[in-house]
Amino acid sequence: MNTADYKDRLADYLQLYVVTDDKLSLGRPEYQIAAMAAAGGAGVIQLRDKHAGTLTLLQKAGAIRQVLAGRAIFIINDRVDVVLAVNADGVHLGQEDMPLTVARDILGPEKIIGVSVGNVEEALRAEEGGADYLGASAVFSTPTKTDAQSMGLQGLEAVCRSASIPVVGIGGINIKNARQVIAAGAAGVAVVSAVVSAPDVVRAASELLAEVKRRNIYEVE
């Protein structure tokens, strides 16, 4: 499946979005985590490694691209050049990364671009700039981003109400609170340790996706 086809059903793929972290993967390589997460139903896999050099990142991205083989959308954090080099499906940008408009000019209209947002103002700006989806962060406190301020479910709901493109909740999300994130209006959940740190990654992904699909059990408090 090509990236344009993914875009047509993007909200469906975003229901379970798994972000890699080699320090939390119990010694397993990221390509293995990616393959198992996709086997468990993850619709999006993001390679995130802020410390790897370009050559290492290219090798990791190439390996993930090969094992996914179109089973899930493949996103790379920050590095537009690596997206182009391995023909990944898109890039995810933070507020301090390459400007969205520049990334879009480089990648063209077909690639998927997601943007991290922490409030309604950032969400509106990203959507106006041409983002395909938003990552609302951090919904709950999270050990993977200790400097991130939690927006809470109310903040997430405000972002979801303001946006007409899909929103995924990020930060501290697990199987116990995933349905609350969906009830706040998110299209899906983005997780790190809830899947990549699980002894059985396939099962963790499958169970979390099933929980996400049991929508609207909780109201936002």
N, C-alpha and C. Protein backbone atom coordinates (compact mmCIF):
# COMPACT_ATOMS: atom_id res chain seq x y z
N MET A 1 0.85 -1.19 0.00
CA MET A 1 0.00 0.00 0.00
C MET A 1 0.89 1.24 0.00
N ASN A 2 0.54 2.24 -0.85
CA ASN A 2 1.36 3.44 -0.86
C ASN A 2 0.84 4.46 0.15
N THR A 3 1.64 5.52 0.36
CA THR A 3 1.30 6.49 1.40
C THR A 3 -0.01 7.19 1.12
N ALA A 4 -0.31 7.46 -0.13
CA ALA A 4 -1.57 8.12 -0.47
C ALA A 4 -2.76 7.29 -0.02
N ASP A 5 -2.67 5.98 -0.14
CA ASP A 5 -3.75 5.10 0.32
C ASP A 5 -3.90 5.16 1.83
N TYR A 6 -2.77 5.22 2.54
CA TYR A 6 -2.82 5.35 3.99
C TYR A 6 -3.56 6.62 4.41
N LYS A 7 -3.30 7.70 3.69
CA LYS A 7 -3.91 8.98 4.06
C LYS A 7 -5.43 8.92 4.03
N ASP A 8 -5.97 8.15 3.11
CA ASP A 8 -7.42 8.05 2.98
C ASP A 8 -8.06 7.43 4.21
N ARG A 9 -7.31 6.60 4.94
CA ARG A 9 -7.84 5.92 6.13
C ARG A 9 -6.97 6.21 7.35
N LEU A 10 -6.41 7.40 7.39
CA LEU A 10 -5.42 7.71 8.42
C LEU A 10 -5.96 7.53 9.84
N ALA A 11 -7.17 7.99 10.09
CA ALA A 11 -7.72 7.88 11.44
C ALA A 11 -7.80 6.43 11.91
N ASP A 12 -8.10 5.51 11.00
CA ASP A 12 -8.15 4.09 11.37
C ASP A 12 -6.77 3.59 11.79
N TYR A 13 -5.75 3.94 11.03
CA TYR A 13 -4.39 3.50 11.34
C TYR A 13 -3.89 4.11 12.64
N LEU A 14 -4.35 5.31 12.96
CA LEU A 14 -3.87 6.02 14.15
C LEU A 14 -4.42 5.46 15.46
N GLN A 15 -5.32 4.50 15.40
CA GLN A 15 -5.92 4.00 16.64
C GLN A 15 -4.85 3.47 17.61
N LEU A 16 -3.84 2.82 17.08
CA LEU A 16 -2.72 2.39 17.92
C LEU A 16 -1.42 2.78 17.23
N TYR A 17 -0.69 3.67 17.87
CA TYR A 17 0.51 4.29 17.32
C TYR A 17 1.64 3.98 18.29
N VAL A 18 2.61 3.20 17.85
CA VAL A 18 3.70 2.75 18.72
C VAL A 18 4.99 3.48 18.37
N VAL A 19 5.61 4.06 19.39
CA VAL A 19 6.86 4.80 19.23
C VAL A 19 8.00 3.97 19.82
N THR A 20 9.06 3.79 19.06
CA THR A 20 10.17 2.97 19.53
C THR A 20 11.03 3.71 20.55
N ASP A 21 11.71 2.95 21.37
CA ASP A 21 12.70 3.48 22.32
C ASP A 21 13.65 2.34 22.64
N ASP A 22 14.87 2.44 22.14
CA ASP A 22 15.80 1.31 22.30
C ASP A 22 16.20 1.07 23.75
N LYS A 23 16.01 2.07 24.61
CA LYS A 23 16.37 1.90 26.02
C LYS A 23 15.27 1.20 26.82
N LEU A 24 14.09 1.11 26.24
CA LEU A 24 12.95 0.50 26.95
C LEU A 24 12.51 -0.83 26.34
N SER A 25 13.29 -1.33 25.39
CA SER A 25 12.86 -2.49 24.61
C SER A 25 13.37 -3.83 25.11
N LEU A 26 13.90 -3.85 26.34
CA LEU A 26 14.38 -5.09 26.95
C LEU A 26 15.45 -5.77 26.11
N GLY A 27 16.29 -4.96 25.47
CA GLY A 27 17.41 -5.48 24.70
C GLY A 27 17.07 -5.95 23.31
N ARG A 28 15.82 -5.86 22.93
CA ARG A 28 15.40 -6.30 21.60
C ARG A 28 15.59 -5.17 20.59
N PRO A 29 16.03 -5.47 19.37
CA PRO A 29 16.24 -4.42 18.37
C PRO A 29 14.92 -3.78 17.95
N GLU A 30 15.01 -2.54 17.53
CA GLU A 30 13.80 -1.79 17.19
C GLU A 30 13.02 -2.41 16.03
N TYR A 31 13.74 -2.99 15.07
CA TYR A 31 13.01 -3.60 13.95
C TYR A 31 12.17 -4.78 14.43
N GLN A 32 12.66 -5.50 15.44
CA GLN A 32 11.89 -6.63 15.98
C GLN A 32 10.66 -6.12 16.72
N ILE A 33 10.83 -5.07 17.51
CA ILE A 33 9.70 -4.46 18.20
C ILE A 33 8.66 -3.98 17.19
N ALA A 34 9.14 -3.33 16.13
CA ALA A 34 8.23 -2.81 15.10
C ALA A 34 7.43 -3.94 14.46
N ALA A 35 8.10 -5.02 14.12
CA ALA A 35 7.42 -6.15 13.47
C ALA A 35 6.38 -6.76 14.40
N MET A 36 6.72 -6.92 15.66
CA MET A 36 5.79 -7.53 16.61
C MET A 36 4.62 -6.60 16.89
N ALA A 37 4.88 -5.31 17.02
CA ALA A 37 3.79 -4.36 17.26
C ALA A 37 2.81 -4.35 16.09
N ALA A 38 3.34 -4.37 14.88
CA ALA A 38 2.48 -4.42 13.69
C ALA A 38 1.68 -5.72 13.65
N ALA A 39 2.31 -6.82 14.04
CA ALA A 39 1.60 -8.10 14.08
C ALA A 39 0.46 -8.06 15.09
N GLY A 40 0.63 -7.25 16.14
CA GLY A 40 -0.42 -7.11 17.14
C GLY A 40 -1.49 -6.10 16.78
N GLY A 41 -1.34 -5.45 15.64
CA GLY A 41 -2.38 -4.54 15.17
C GLY A 41 -2.04 -3.07 15.17
N ALA A 42 -0.83 -2.70 15.58
CA ALA A 42 -0.45 -1.29 15.54
C ALA A 42 -0.52 -0.78 14.10
N GLY A 43 -1.18 0.35 13.91
CA GLY A 43 -1.33 0.89 12.56
C GLY A 43 -0.24 1.85 12.17
N VAL A 44 0.47 2.38 13.18
CA VAL A 44 1.57 3.30 12.93
C VAL A 44 2.74 2.92 13.82
N ILE A 45 3.92 2.91 13.22
CA ILE A 45 5.17 2.71 13.96
C ILE A 45 6.02 3.94 13.73
N GLN A 46 6.47 4.55 14.81
CA GLN A 46 7.39 5.69 14.69
C GLN A 46 8.77 5.31 15.22
N LEU A 47 9.78 5.53 14.40
CA LEU A 47 11.17 5.38 14.85
C LEU A 47 11.59 6.70 15.47
N ARG A 48 11.88 6.65 16.77
CA ARG A 48 12.31 7.84 17.50
C ARG A 48 13.63 7.53 18.19
N ASP A 49 14.69 8.21 17.78
CA ASP A 49 15.99 8.07 18.41
C ASP A 49 16.72 9.38 18.26
N LYS A 50 16.68 10.19 19.31
CA LYS A 50 17.24 11.54 19.27
C LYS A 50 18.76 11.54 19.36
N HIS A 51 19.35 10.41 19.68
CA HIS A 51 20.80 10.38 19.94
C HIS A 51 21.59 9.65 18.87
N ALA A 52 20.95 8.89 18.02
CA ALA A 52 21.67 8.13 17.00
C ALA A 52 22.24 9.04 15.93
N GLY A 53 23.43 8.70 15.45
CA GLY A 53 24.00 9.40 14.31
C GLY A 53 23.23 9.06 13.04
N THR A 54 23.51 9.81 12.00
CA THR A 54 22.75 9.64 10.76
C THR A 54 22.89 8.24 10.18
N LEU A 55 24.10 7.70 10.15
CA LEU A 55 24.30 6.37 9.58
C LEU A 55 23.53 5.31 10.37
N THR A 56 23.63 5.38 11.70
CA THR A 56 22.90 4.43 12.54
C THR A 56 21.40 4.55 12.33
N LEU A 57 20.92 5.78 12.26
CA LEU A 57 19.48 5.99 12.08
C LEU A 57 19.02 5.46 10.72
N LEU A 58 19.84 5.65 9.71
CA LEU A 58 19.51 5.11 8.39
C LEU A 58 19.41 3.59 8.43
N GLN A 59 20.34 2.96 9.14
CA GLN A 59 20.33 1.50 9.24
C GLN A 59 19.08 1.02 9.98
N LYS A 60 18.76 1.69 11.09
CA LYS A 60 17.56 1.32 11.84
C LYS A 60 16.30 1.51 11.01
N ALA A 61 16.23 2.64 10.32
CA ALA A 61 15.04 2.94 9.52
C ALA A 61 14.89 1.94 8.37
N GLY A 62 16.00 1.61 7.73
CA GLY A 62 15.94 0.64 6.64
C GLY A 62 15.47 -0.72 7.10
N ALA A 63 15.94 -1.13 8.28
CA ALA A 63 15.53 -2.44 8.81
C ALA A 63 14.05 -2.45 9.15
N ILE A 64 13.56 -1.36 9.75
CA ILE A 64 12.13 -1.30 10.09
C ILE A 64 11.28 -1.27 8.83
N ARG A 65 11.70 -0.47 7.87
CA ARG A 65 10.97 -0.39 6.61
C ARG A 65 10.83 -1.78 5.98
N GLN A 66 11.89 -2.55 6.04
CA GLN A 66 11.89 -3.88 5.43
C GLN A 66 10.94 -4.83 6.15
N VAL A 67 10.98 -4.83 7.49
CA VAL A 67 10.13 -5.80 8.21
C VAL A 67 8.66 -5.41 8.20
N LEU A 68 8.38 -4.11 8.13
CA LEU A 68 6.97 -3.70 8.09
C LEU A 68 6.32 -4.06 6.77
N ALA A 69 7.04 -3.87 5.70
CA ALA A 69 6.57 -4.28 4.36
C ALA A 69 5.13 -3.85 4.09
N GLY A 70 4.81 -2.63 4.49
CA GLY A 70 3.48 -2.10 4.20
C GLY A 70 2.39 -2.50 5.18
N ARG A 71 2.74 -3.22 6.25
CA ARG A 71 1.72 -3.65 7.21
C ARG A 71 1.27 -2.53 8.13
N ALA A 72 2.07 -1.49 8.24
CA ALA A 72 1.74 -0.35 9.10
C ALA A 72 2.37 0.89 8.50
N ILE A 73 1.84 2.04 8.84
CA ILE A 73 2.43 3.30 8.43
C ILE A 73 3.75 3.47 9.17
N PHE A 74 4.79 3.85 8.46
CA PHE A 74 6.11 4.02 9.06
C PHE A 74 6.47 5.51 9.09
N ILE A 75 6.59 6.04 10.30
CA ILE A 75 6.90 7.45 10.54
C ILE A 75 8.26 7.55 11.20
N ILE A 76 9.02 8.57 10.83
CA ILE A 76 10.31 8.82 11.46
C ILE A 76 10.24 10.15 12.20
N ASN A 77 10.73 10.16 13.41
CA ASN A 77 10.72 11.37 14.22
C ASN A 77 11.75 12.36 13.71
N ASP A 78 11.31 13.55 13.38
CA ASP A 78 12.17 14.71 13.14
C ASP A 78 12.92 14.71 11.81
N ARG A 79 13.50 13.58 11.40
CA ARG A 79 14.49 13.56 10.34
C ARG A 79 13.87 13.39 8.94
N VAL A 80 13.61 14.51 8.32
CA VAL A 80 13.05 14.52 6.97
C VAL A 80 13.99 13.85 5.98
N ASP A 81 15.30 14.04 6.18
CA ASP A 81 16.27 13.44 5.25
C ASP A 81 16.21 11.92 5.29
N VAL A 82 16.02 11.36 6.47
CA VAL A 82 15.94 9.90 6.60
C VAL A 82 14.63 9.38 6.00
N VAL A 83 13.57 10.14 6.16
CA VAL A 83 12.30 9.77 5.52
C VAL A 83 12.50 9.59 4.02
N LEU A 84 13.17 10.55 3.41
CA LEU A 84 13.41 10.48 1.97
C LEU A 84 14.35 9.33 1.61
N ALA A 85 15.38 9.14 2.43
CA ALA A 85 16.40 8.13 2.12
C ALA A 85 15.84 6.72 2.10
N VAL A 86 14.92 6.42 3.01
CA VAL A 86 14.38 5.05 3.09
C VAL A 86 12.96 4.95 2.55
N ASN A 87 12.45 6.07 2.06
CA ASN A 87 11.07 6.12 1.56
C ASN A 87 10.06 5.72 2.63
N ALA A 88 10.23 6.28 3.83
CA ALA A 88 9.24 6.10 4.89
C ALA A 88 7.97 6.83 4.50
N ASP A 89 6.91 6.57 5.25
CA ASP A 89 5.61 7.16 4.90
C ASP A 89 5.46 8.59 5.37
N GLY A 90 6.29 9.02 6.33
CA GLY A 90 6.16 10.39 6.78
C GLY A 90 7.07 10.70 7.94
N VAL A 91 6.85 11.89 8.50
CA VAL A 91 7.70 12.41 9.57
C VAL A 91 6.81 12.95 10.69
N HIS A 92 7.32 12.89 11.92
CA HIS A 92 6.64 13.52 13.05
C HIS A 92 7.53 14.63 13.57
N LEU A 93 6.97 15.82 13.69
CA LEU A 93 7.73 17.00 14.07
C LEU A 93 7.30 17.53 15.43
N GLY A 94 8.29 17.92 16.24
CA GLY A 94 8.02 18.62 17.48
C GLY A 94 7.99 20.11 17.23
N GLN A 95 7.66 20.86 18.27
CA GLN A 95 7.58 22.31 18.13
C GLN A 95 8.94 22.95 17.87
N GLU A 96 10.02 22.27 18.23
CA GLU A 96 11.36 22.81 18.02
C GLU A 96 12.07 22.16 16.84
N ASP A 97 11.38 21.34 16.09
CA ASP A 97 11.97 20.67 14.93
C ASP A 97 11.83 21.55 13.69
N MET A 98 12.16 20.98 12.54
CA MET A 98 12.02 21.69 11.27
C MET A 98 10.60 22.25 11.14
N PRO A 99 10.46 23.50 10.69
CA PRO A 99 9.12 24.05 10.50
C PRO A 99 8.28 23.19 9.57
N LEU A 100 7.02 23.08 9.89
CA LEU A 100 6.10 22.24 9.12
C LEU A 100 6.08 22.62 7.65
N THR A 101 6.03 23.90 7.35
CA THR A 101 5.94 24.33 5.96
C THR A 101 7.19 23.94 5.17
N VAL A 102 8.34 23.99 5.82
CA VAL A 102 9.59 23.59 5.16
C VAL A 102 9.57 22.08 4.90
N ALA A 103 9.16 21.32 5.91
CA ALA A 103 9.08 19.86 5.75
C ALA A 103 8.13 19.49 4.62
N ARG A 104 7.00 20.17 4.54
CA ARG A 104 6.03 19.88 3.48
C ARG A 104 6.61 20.20 2.11
N ASP A 105 7.33 21.32 2.01
CA ASP A 105 7.95 21.67 0.73
C ASP A 105 8.93 20.60 0.28
N ILE A 106 9.67 20.03 1.24
CA ILE A 106 10.67 19.01 0.92
C ILE A 106 10.01 17.68 0.58
N LEU A 107 9.04 17.28 1.39
CA LEU A 107 8.43 15.95 1.24
C LEU A 107 7.34 15.89 0.19
N GLY A 108 6.72 17.02 -0.10
CA GLY A 108 5.63 17.03 -1.06
C GLY A 108 4.30 16.68 -0.41
N PRO A 109 3.23 16.69 -1.19
CA PRO A 109 1.89 16.51 -0.63
C PRO A 109 1.54 15.08 -0.24
N GLU A 110 2.27 14.10 -0.74
CA GLU A 110 1.89 12.71 -0.52
C GLU A 110 2.29 12.18 0.86
N LYS A 111 3.42 12.63 1.38
CA LYS A 111 3.90 12.11 2.66
C LYS A 111 3.04 12.59 3.82
N ILE A 112 3.02 11.79 4.87
CA ILE A 112 2.26 12.11 6.08
C ILE A 112 3.13 12.93 7.02
N ILE A 113 2.58 14.02 7.53
CA ILE A 113 3.30 14.83 8.52
C ILE A 113 2.43 14.98 9.76
N GLY A 114 2.98 14.56 10.90
CA GLY A 114 2.33 14.77 12.18
C GLY A 114 3.09 15.79 12.98
N VAL A 115 2.40 16.48 13.86
CA VAL A 115 3.01 17.54 14.66
C VAL A 115 2.60 17.39 16.12
N SER A 116 3.57 17.49 17.02
CA SER A 116 3.28 17.48 18.46
C SER A 116 2.74 18.84 18.87
N VAL A 117 1.65 18.83 19.62
CA VAL A 117 1.06 20.08 20.10
C VAL A 117 0.73 19.95 21.58
N GLY A 118 0.81 21.10 22.27
CA GLY A 118 0.54 21.09 23.70
C GLY A 118 -0.66 21.92 24.11
N ASN A 119 -1.28 22.58 23.13
CA ASN A 119 -2.44 23.42 23.43
C ASN A 119 -3.21 23.70 22.14
N VAL A 120 -4.33 24.38 22.29
CA VAL A 120 -5.21 24.65 21.15
C VAL A 120 -4.53 25.54 20.13
N GLU A 121 -3.80 26.55 20.59
CA GLU A 121 -3.12 27.46 19.67
C GLU A 121 -2.16 26.71 18.75
N GLU A 122 -1.36 25.84 19.33
CA GLU A 122 -0.42 25.06 18.52
C GLU A 122 -1.15 24.12 17.57
N ALA A 123 -2.27 23.57 18.03
CA ALA A 123 -3.05 22.66 17.19
C ALA A 123 -3.60 23.39 15.97
N LEU A 124 -4.17 24.56 16.17
CA LEU A 124 -4.73 25.32 15.06
C LEU A 124 -3.64 25.74 14.08
N ARG A 125 -2.49 26.13 14.61
CA ARG A 125 -1.38 26.55 13.74
C ARG A 125 -0.88 25.37 12.90
N ALA A 126 -0.77 24.20 13.52
CA ALA A 126 -0.29 23.02 12.78
C ALA A 126 -1.28 22.60 11.70
N GLU A 127 -2.56 22.61 12.04
CA GLU A 127 -3.55 22.23 11.03
C GLU A 127 -3.55 23.22 9.87
N GLU A 128 -3.49 24.49 10.19
CA GLU A 128 -3.46 25.51 9.14
C GLU A 128 -2.21 25.36 8.26
N GLY A 129 -1.11 24.89 8.88
CA GLY A 129 0.14 24.72 8.14
C GLY A 129 0.20 23.48 7.28
N GLY A 130 -0.81 22.62 7.39
CA GLY A 130 -0.87 21.45 6.52
C GLY A 130 -0.55 20.12 7.16
N ALA A 131 -0.58 20.05 8.50
CA ALA A 131 -0.35 18.77 9.18
C ALA A 131 -1.46 17.78 8.84
N ASP A 132 -1.12 16.51 8.81
CA ASP A 132 -2.10 15.46 8.55
C ASP A 132 -2.73 14.92 9.83
N TYR A 133 -1.98 14.97 10.92
CA TYR A 133 -2.51 14.56 12.22
C TYR A 133 -1.75 15.31 13.30
N LEU A 134 -2.30 15.31 14.51
CA LEU A 134 -1.69 15.98 15.65
C LEU A 134 -1.41 14.97 16.75
N GLY A 135 -0.29 15.15 17.44
CA GLY A 135 0.02 14.38 18.63
C GLY A 135 -0.11 15.28 19.83
N ALA A 136 -1.17 15.12 20.61
CA ALA A 136 -1.42 15.98 21.77
C ALA A 136 -0.66 15.43 22.97
N SER A 137 0.23 16.25 23.51
CA SER A 137 1.18 15.75 24.51
C SER A 137 1.47 16.81 25.56
N ALA A 138 1.65 16.38 26.79
CA ALA A 138 1.49 15.03 27.29
C ALA A 138 0.14 14.94 28.01
N VAL A 139 -0.60 13.89 27.71
CA VAL A 139 -1.91 13.73 28.34
C VAL A 139 -1.74 13.44 29.83
N PHE A 140 -0.87 12.49 30.15
CA PHE A 140 -0.54 12.15 31.53
C PHE A 140 0.97 12.29 31.71
N SER A 141 1.42 12.31 32.94
CA SER A 141 2.86 12.38 33.18
C SER A 141 3.52 11.12 32.63
N THR A 142 4.74 11.28 32.12
CA THR A 142 5.41 10.17 31.46
C THR A 142 6.90 10.19 31.73
N PRO A 143 7.50 9.03 32.02
CA PRO A 143 8.94 8.96 32.27
C PRO A 143 9.77 9.15 31.01
N THR A 144 9.17 9.01 29.82
CA THR A 144 9.95 9.15 28.59
C THR A 144 10.17 10.61 28.21
N LYS A 145 9.35 11.50 28.78
CA LYS A 145 9.55 12.94 28.56
C LYS A 145 9.33 13.65 29.88
N THR A 146 10.38 13.67 30.69
CA THR A 146 10.25 14.20 32.05
C THR A 146 10.02 15.70 32.09
N ASP A 147 10.36 16.40 31.00
CA ASP A 147 10.18 17.85 30.97
C ASP A 147 8.83 18.26 30.39
N ALA A 148 8.03 17.29 29.99
CA ALA A 148 6.75 17.60 29.37
C ALA A 148 5.69 17.90 30.42
N GLN A 149 4.96 19.00 30.23
CA GLN A 149 3.90 19.37 31.15
C GLN A 149 2.62 18.65 30.74
N SER A 150 1.93 18.08 31.70
CA SER A 150 0.72 17.33 31.39
C SER A 150 -0.44 18.27 31.06
N MET A 151 -1.15 17.98 29.97
CA MET A 151 -2.33 18.77 29.60
C MET A 151 -3.59 18.20 30.23
N GLY A 152 -3.53 16.94 30.64
CA GLY A 152 -4.70 16.30 31.21
C GLY A 152 -5.75 15.98 30.16
N LEU A 153 -6.79 15.30 30.59
CA LEU A 153 -7.86 14.93 29.67
C LEU A 153 -8.63 16.15 29.18
N GLN A 154 -8.74 17.17 30.03
CA GLN A 154 -9.45 18.38 29.62
C GLN A 154 -8.69 19.11 28.51
N GLY A 155 -7.36 19.17 28.66
CA GLY A 155 -6.55 19.79 27.62
C GLY A 155 -6.62 19.02 26.32
N LEU A 156 -6.60 17.70 26.42
CA LEU A 156 -6.73 16.86 25.23
C LEU A 156 -8.08 17.10 24.55
N GLU A 157 -9.13 17.14 25.34
CA GLU A 157 -10.46 17.36 24.78
C GLU A 157 -10.54 18.69 24.05
N ALA A 158 -9.92 19.73 24.62
CA ALA A 158 -9.92 21.04 23.98
C ALA A 158 -9.22 21.00 22.63
N VAL A 159 -8.09 20.30 22.57
CA VAL A 159 -7.36 20.17 21.30
C VAL A 159 -8.21 19.41 20.28
N CYS A 160 -8.82 18.31 20.72
CA CYS A 160 -9.64 17.50 19.81
C CYS A 160 -10.82 18.29 19.27
N ARG A 161 -11.43 19.10 20.12
CA ARG A 161 -12.58 19.90 19.68
C ARG A 161 -12.17 20.98 18.68
N SER A 162 -10.95 21.47 18.81
CA SER A 162 -10.49 22.57 17.95
C SER A 162 -10.03 22.09 16.58
N ALA A 163 -9.69 20.82 16.47
CA ALA A 163 -9.06 20.30 15.25
C ALA A 163 -10.06 19.55 14.38
N SER A 164 -9.87 19.66 13.08
CA SER A 164 -10.68 18.87 12.15
C SER A 164 -9.87 17.75 11.52
N ILE A 165 -8.59 17.61 11.94
CA ILE A 165 -7.77 16.48 11.53
C ILE A 165 -7.60 15.54 12.72
N PRO A 166 -7.22 14.29 12.50
CA PRO A 166 -7.14 13.34 13.62
C PRO A 166 -6.11 13.75 14.67
N VAL A 167 -6.43 13.44 15.91
CA VAL A 167 -5.55 13.71 17.05
C VAL A 167 -5.26 12.39 17.76
N VAL A 168 -3.99 12.16 18.09
CA VAL A 168 -3.65 11.03 18.96
C VAL A 168 -3.14 11.59 20.29
N GLY A 169 -3.55 10.96 21.36
CA GLY A 169 -3.04 11.33 22.67
C GLY A 169 -1.69 10.67 22.91
N ILE A 170 -0.78 11.41 23.52
CA ILE A 170 0.56 10.90 23.81
C ILE A 170 0.90 11.23 25.25
N GLY A 171 1.59 10.31 25.91
CA GLY A 171 2.12 10.60 27.24
C GLY A 171 1.43 9.84 28.35
N GLY A 172 2.11 8.84 28.89
CA GLY A 172 1.61 8.12 30.05
C GLY A 172 0.39 7.26 29.78
N ILE A 173 0.16 6.90 28.54
CA ILE A 173 -1.05 6.14 28.18
C ILE A 173 -0.76 4.64 28.25
N ASN A 174 -1.71 3.93 28.82
CA ASN A 174 -1.59 2.47 28.92
C ASN A 174 -2.98 1.86 28.82
N ILE A 175 -3.05 0.56 29.01
CA ILE A 175 -4.33 -0.13 28.82
C ILE A 175 -5.38 0.30 29.85
N LYS A 176 -4.94 0.84 31.00
CA LYS A 176 -5.88 1.24 32.04
C LYS A 176 -6.55 2.58 31.76
N ASN A 177 -5.90 3.44 30.98
CA ASN A 177 -6.48 4.77 30.75
C ASN A 177 -6.75 5.07 29.27
N ALA A 178 -6.50 4.12 28.40
CA ALA A 178 -6.64 4.37 26.96
C ALA A 178 -8.05 4.78 26.57
N ARG A 179 -9.05 4.18 27.19
CA ARG A 179 -10.43 4.49 26.79
C ARG A 179 -10.80 5.91 27.18
N GLN A 180 -10.21 6.42 28.24
CA GLN A 180 -10.46 7.81 28.62
C GLN A 180 -9.92 8.77 27.56
N VAL A 181 -8.80 8.41 26.97
CA VAL A 181 -8.21 9.23 25.91
C VAL A 181 -9.13 9.26 24.70
N ILE A 182 -9.69 8.12 24.34
CA ILE A 182 -10.61 8.05 23.22
C ILE A 182 -11.89 8.82 23.54
N ALA A 183 -12.37 8.71 24.77
CA ALA A 183 -13.58 9.42 25.17
C ALA A 183 -13.40 10.93 25.10
N ALA A 184 -12.16 11.40 25.23
CA ALA A 184 -11.88 12.83 25.13
C ALA A 184 -11.88 13.32 23.69
N GLY A 185 -12.00 12.40 22.74
CA GLY A 185 -12.10 12.80 21.35
C GLY A 185 -10.95 12.38 20.46
N ALA A 186 -9.95 11.72 21.04
CA ALA A 186 -8.79 11.32 20.24
C ALA A 186 -9.14 10.18 19.29
N ALA A 187 -8.47 10.17 18.13
CA ALA A 187 -8.65 9.08 17.18
C ALA A 187 -7.93 7.83 17.63
N GLY A 188 -6.89 8.02 18.46
CA GLY A 188 -6.11 6.88 18.91
C GLY A 188 -5.13 7.26 20.00
N VAL A 189 -4.31 6.29 20.37
CA VAL A 189 -3.32 6.50 21.43
C VAL A 189 -1.93 6.21 20.88
N ALA A 190 -0.98 7.03 21.30
CA ALA A 190 0.43 6.80 20.97
C ALA A 190 1.13 6.37 22.25
N VAL A 191 1.84 5.25 22.18
CA VAL A 191 2.44 4.68 23.38
C VAL A 191 3.88 4.28 23.12
N VAL A 192 4.63 4.24 24.21
CA VAL A 192 6.01 3.73 24.14
C VAL A 192 6.08 2.49 25.02
N SER A 193 6.27 2.68 26.32
CA SER A 193 6.55 1.55 27.21
C SER A 193 5.40 0.56 27.30
N ALA A 194 4.17 1.01 27.13
CA ALA A 194 3.02 0.10 27.24
C ALA A 194 3.11 -1.05 26.24
N VAL A 195 3.84 -0.84 25.16
CA VAL A 195 4.02 -1.90 24.17
C VAL A 195 5.47 -2.34 24.08
N VAL A 196 6.40 -1.40 23.91
CA VAL A 196 7.79 -1.81 23.63
C VAL A 196 8.47 -2.45 24.83
N SER A 197 7.98 -2.18 26.04
CA SER A 197 8.57 -2.79 27.23
C SER A 197 7.87 -4.08 27.65
N ALA A 198 6.83 -4.45 26.94
CA ALA A 198 6.09 -5.66 27.30
C ALA A 198 6.88 -6.91 26.93
N PRO A 199 6.87 -7.92 27.79
CA PRO A 199 7.53 -9.19 27.43
C PRO A 199 6.96 -9.79 26.15
N ASP A 200 5.65 -9.66 25.96
CA ASP A 200 4.98 -10.15 24.76
C ASP A 200 4.42 -8.94 24.02
N VAL A 201 5.18 -8.42 23.08
CA VAL A 201 4.80 -7.20 22.37
C VAL A 201 3.54 -7.39 21.54
N VAL A 202 3.44 -8.52 20.87
CA VAL A 202 2.26 -8.79 20.04
C VAL A 202 0.99 -8.76 20.89
N ARG A 203 1.04 -9.43 22.01
CA ARG A 203 -0.14 -9.47 22.88
C ARG A 203 -0.45 -8.10 23.46
N ALA A 204 0.57 -7.37 23.89
CA ALA A 204 0.36 -6.04 24.46
C ALA A 204 -0.30 -5.11 23.45
N ALA A 205 0.18 -5.15 22.21
CA ALA A 205 -0.40 -4.31 21.17
C ALA A 205 -1.84 -4.72 20.87
N SER A 206 -2.07 -6.01 20.77
CA SER A 206 -3.40 -6.51 20.46
C SER A 206 -4.41 -6.15 21.54
N GLU A 207 -4.03 -6.31 22.79
CA GLU A 207 -4.94 -6.00 23.89
C GLU A 207 -5.20 -4.50 24.01
N LEU A 208 -4.17 -3.70 23.76
CA LEU A 208 -4.35 -2.25 23.83
C LEU A 208 -5.25 -1.77 22.70
N LEU A 209 -5.07 -2.31 21.52
CA LEU A 209 -5.94 -1.93 20.40
C LEU A 209 -7.39 -2.32 20.67
N ALA A 210 -7.59 -3.49 21.25
CA ALA A 210 -8.96 -3.91 21.58
C ALA A 210 -9.58 -2.95 22.59
N GLU A 211 -8.78 -2.49 23.53
CA GLU A 211 -9.28 -1.53 24.53
C GLU A 211 -9.65 -0.21 23.87
N VAL A 212 -8.82 0.25 22.96
CA VAL A 212 -9.09 1.50 22.24
C VAL A 212 -10.41 1.40 21.47
N LYS A 213 -10.66 0.26 20.89
CA LYS A 213 -11.85 0.09 20.07
C LYS A 213 -13.13 -0.01 20.89
N ARG A 214 -12.99 -0.24 22.19
CA ARG A 214 -14.16 -0.21 23.08
C ARG A 214 -14.38 1.23 23.49
N ARG A 215 -14.88 2.03 22.54
CA ARG A 215 -14.91 3.48 22.68
C ARG A 215 -15.98 3.96 23.66
N ASN A 216 -15.69 5.17 24.17
CA ASN A 216 -16.68 5.97 24.88
C ASN A 216 -17.26 5.30 26.12
N ILE A 217 -16.43 4.58 26.84
CA ILE A 217 -16.87 3.99 28.10
C ILE A 217 -16.86 5.05 29.21
N TYR A 218 -15.84 5.93 29.16
CA TYR A 218 -15.70 6.94 30.20
C TYR A 218 -16.02 8.32 29.66
N GLU A 219 -16.52 9.15 30.52
CA GLU A 219 -16.66 10.57 30.21
C GLU A 219 -15.46 11.30 30.78
N VAL A 220 -15.07 12.39 30.15
CA VAL A 220 -13.98 13.19 30.68
C VAL A 220 -14.44 13.88 31.94
N GLU A 221 -13.62 13.75 32.99
CA GLU A 221 -14.02 14.35 34.26
C GLU A 221 -13.48 15.77 34.37
